[in-house]
Amino acid sequence: MDPKPIEAFGASLQGYYNNKCLSDVVIRCNGQEFAVHSLVLFCHSDYFKKQLTETWKESADKIIEITDFDTNIVEAMLRFIYSFDCDVRPNTPPLIFHAKVYQIGDKYGIETLKKQASNKVERIVNEAEVATKYVSDLVDAITVMYTTTPPGDRGLRDIVV
């Protein structure tokens, strides 16, 4: 059975993640550079769209410096905008990872990323209720959730309370 056109497009789009072919923007984080396509950024984030089309420094040199997130969180955001998914890296506590992914989604206005991170946190918390697998990370994750999201943003807070 042939894939649906949208599935075929999605599979093709994933091939452009961190691919310099036709990329027109660089995102830098802690010395690592990611080749990005402004159209893909624009489709997900009005923040990046404004940053690259209005009179900001980034609109002239097409380089966006992200200094307030770890590289693996920036990479997760970028993987998401190309594939609508991002995986937890090995040896990374999943609750904390998804809380930080939620935070970066909030900062850059990527609502679909926030929703995915929230769904993943909820699954882990529900799983933690019947298993002790993630309980040790829960306290640290709650701290991240409450210190990195706006007080009125209940997306993650309601899940863990």
Protein backbone atom coordinates (compact mmCIF):
# COMPACT_ATOMS: atom_id res chain seq x y z
CA MET A 1 0.00 0.00 0.00
CA ASP A 2 1.39 3.39 -0.99
CA PRO A 3 1.87 5.95 1.78
CA LYS A 4 -0.54 8.86 1.98
CA PRO A 5 0.85 12.07 0.47
CA ILE A 6 1.17 13.76 3.87
CA GLU A 7 3.08 10.75 5.26
CA ALA A 8 5.40 10.75 2.26
CA PHE A 9 5.99 14.48 2.69
CA GLY A 10 6.69 14.03 6.40
CA ALA A 11 9.20 11.28 5.70
CA SER A 12 10.89 13.48 3.11
CA LEU A 13 10.96 16.48 5.46
CA GLN A 14 12.78 14.46 8.12
CA GLY A 15 15.65 14.06 5.69
CA TYR A 16 16.25 17.80 5.81
CA TYR A 17 16.85 17.88 9.57
CA ASN A 18 20.29 19.47 10.10
CA ASN A 19 20.89 19.16 6.36
CA LYS A 20 22.67 22.07 4.69
CA CYS A 21 20.84 21.45 1.41
CA LEU A 22 18.70 24.57 0.91
CA SER A 23 19.13 25.63 4.55
CA ASP A 24 19.17 29.37 5.05
CA VAL A 25 19.47 29.73 8.83
CA VAL A 26 21.93 28.50 11.44
CA ILE A 27 20.94 27.86 15.03
CA ARG A 28 23.90 27.83 17.41
CA CYS A 29 23.88 26.39 20.89
CA ASN A 30 26.97 25.91 23.03
CA GLY A 31 29.24 25.84 19.99
CA GLN A 32 27.15 23.37 18.02
CA GLU A 33 25.55 24.55 14.79
CA PHE A 34 22.34 23.25 13.25
CA ALA A 35 21.44 23.92 9.61
CA VAL A 36 17.79 24.94 9.54
CA HIS A 37 15.24 26.00 6.93
CA SER A 38 13.40 29.24 7.72
CA LEU A 39 10.17 27.99 6.15
CA VAL A 40 10.10 25.03 8.55
CA LEU A 41 10.78 27.36 11.51
CA PHE A 42 8.05 29.76 10.33
CA CYS A 43 5.48 26.96 10.13
CA HIS A 44 5.97 26.20 13.83
CA SER A 45 6.93 29.46 15.50
CA ASP A 46 5.84 33.06 15.10
CA TYR A 47 8.73 33.95 17.42
CA PHE A 48 11.31 32.68 14.95
CA LYS A 49 9.36 34.17 12.06
CA LYS A 50 9.53 37.62 13.65
CA GLN A 51 13.16 37.14 14.60
CA LEU A 52 14.11 36.36 11.01
CA THR A 53 11.85 38.77 9.12
CA GLU A 54 11.75 41.90 11.26
CA THR A 55 14.58 44.27 12.14
CA TRP A 56 16.44 41.99 14.51
CA LYS A 57 20.13 41.17 14.31
CA GLU A 58 19.21 37.59 13.38
CA SER A 59 17.24 38.69 10.32
CA ALA A 60 20.41 40.14 8.80
CA ASP A 61 22.95 37.41 9.52
CA LYS A 62 20.53 34.44 9.66
CA ILE A 63 22.22 33.07 12.78
CA ILE A 64 20.19 32.44 15.92
CA GLU A 65 22.14 31.98 19.14
CA ILE A 66 20.37 29.99 21.84
CA THR A 67 22.25 30.21 25.12
CA ASP A 68 19.65 29.43 27.76
CA PHE A 69 19.06 25.75 26.91
CA ASP A 70 21.26 22.68 26.77
CA THR A 71 22.18 21.53 23.29
CA ASN A 72 20.16 18.32 23.63
CA ILE A 73 16.99 20.35 24.31
CA VAL A 74 17.59 22.59 21.28
CA GLU A 75 18.26 19.48 19.22
CA ALA A 76 15.00 17.94 20.46
CA MET A 77 13.07 21.07 19.42
CA LEU A 78 14.64 21.01 15.97
CA ARG A 79 14.04 17.29 15.52
CA PHE A 80 10.42 17.91 16.45
CA ILE A 81 9.88 20.65 13.88
CA TYR A 82 11.11 18.30 11.16
CA SER A 83 9.50 15.05 12.36
CA PHE A 84 6.83 15.90 14.98
CA ASP A 85 8.68 13.72 17.48
CA CYS A 86 11.78 13.80 19.63
CA ASP A 87 13.35 11.07 21.68
CA VAL A 88 14.97 11.19 25.08
CA ARG A 89 18.71 10.72 24.82
CA PRO A 90 20.27 7.81 26.70
CA ASN A 91 21.15 8.52 30.33
CA THR A 92 18.74 11.46 30.44
CA PRO A 93 15.92 11.46 33.00
CA PRO A 94 12.76 11.46 30.83
CA LEU A 95 10.62 13.65 33.10
CA ILE A 96 13.25 16.36 33.29
CA PHE A 97 13.93 16.12 29.56
CA HIS A 98 10.26 16.56 28.64
CA ALA A 99 9.84 19.38 31.17
CA LYS A 100 12.70 21.24 29.50
CA VAL A 101 11.33 20.47 26.03
CA TYR A 102 8.02 21.95 27.20
CA GLN A 103 9.92 25.02 28.40
CA ILE A 104 11.65 25.57 25.05
CA GLY A 105 8.33 25.08 23.27
CA ASP A 106 6.83 27.73 25.52
CA LYS A 107 9.66 30.20 24.96
CA TYR A 108 9.51 29.92 21.18
CA GLY A 109 5.74 29.56 20.88
CA ILE A 110 5.71 26.01 19.52
CA GLU A 111 2.37 24.85 20.92
CA THR A 112 2.49 21.42 19.27
CA LEU A 113 5.84 20.74 20.95
CA LYS A 114 4.42 21.79 24.31
CA LYS A 115 1.46 19.48 23.81
CA GLN A 116 3.66 16.53 22.91
CA ALA A 117 5.93 17.13 25.91
CA SER A 118 2.90 17.44 28.17
CA ASN A 119 1.46 14.17 26.84
CA LYS A 120 4.77 12.39 27.41
CA VAL A 121 5.05 13.75 30.97
CA GLU A 122 1.51 12.60 31.68
CA ARG A 123 2.25 9.08 30.41
CA ILE A 124 5.39 8.87 32.54
CA VAL A 125 3.63 10.17 35.66
CA ASN A 126 0.79 7.69 35.16
CA GLU A 127 3.35 4.94 34.70
CA ALA A 128 5.23 6.10 37.80
CA GLU A 129 2.07 5.64 39.86
CA VAL A 130 2.29 1.89 39.29
CA ALA A 131 6.08 1.56 39.06
CA THR A 132 8.98 3.19 40.84
CA LYS A 133 10.94 3.54 37.60
CA TYR A 134 10.71 7.37 37.42
CA VAL A 135 9.90 8.30 41.01
CA SER A 136 13.46 9.39 41.78
CA ASP A 137 13.30 11.92 38.93
CA LEU A 138 9.87 13.24 39.88
CA VAL A 139 11.04 15.74 42.51
CA ASP A 140 13.68 17.21 40.19
CA ALA A 141 11.19 17.31 37.32
CA ILE A 142 8.59 19.12 39.43
CA THR A 143 11.24 21.70 40.36
CA VAL A 144 12.04 22.21 36.67
CA MET A 145 8.34 22.47 35.82
CA TYR A 146 7.65 25.10 38.46
CA THR A 147 10.78 27.19 37.93
CA THR A 148 10.85 27.30 34.12
CA THR A 149 7.23 27.86 33.10
CA PRO A 150 5.06 30.93 33.64
CA PRO A 151 2.82 30.74 36.74
CA GLY A 152 -0.34 30.81 34.63
CA ASP A 153 0.80 27.97 32.37
CA ARG A 154 -0.76 24.90 33.97
CA GLY A 155 0.17 22.48 31.16
CA LEU A 156 2.67 20.46 33.18
CA ARG A 157 1.80 21.60 36.67
CA ASP A 158 -1.69 20.09 36.65
CA ILE A 159 -0.25 16.73 35.63
CA VAL A 160 2.09 16.43 38.61
CA VAL A 161 -0.10 17.95 41.31
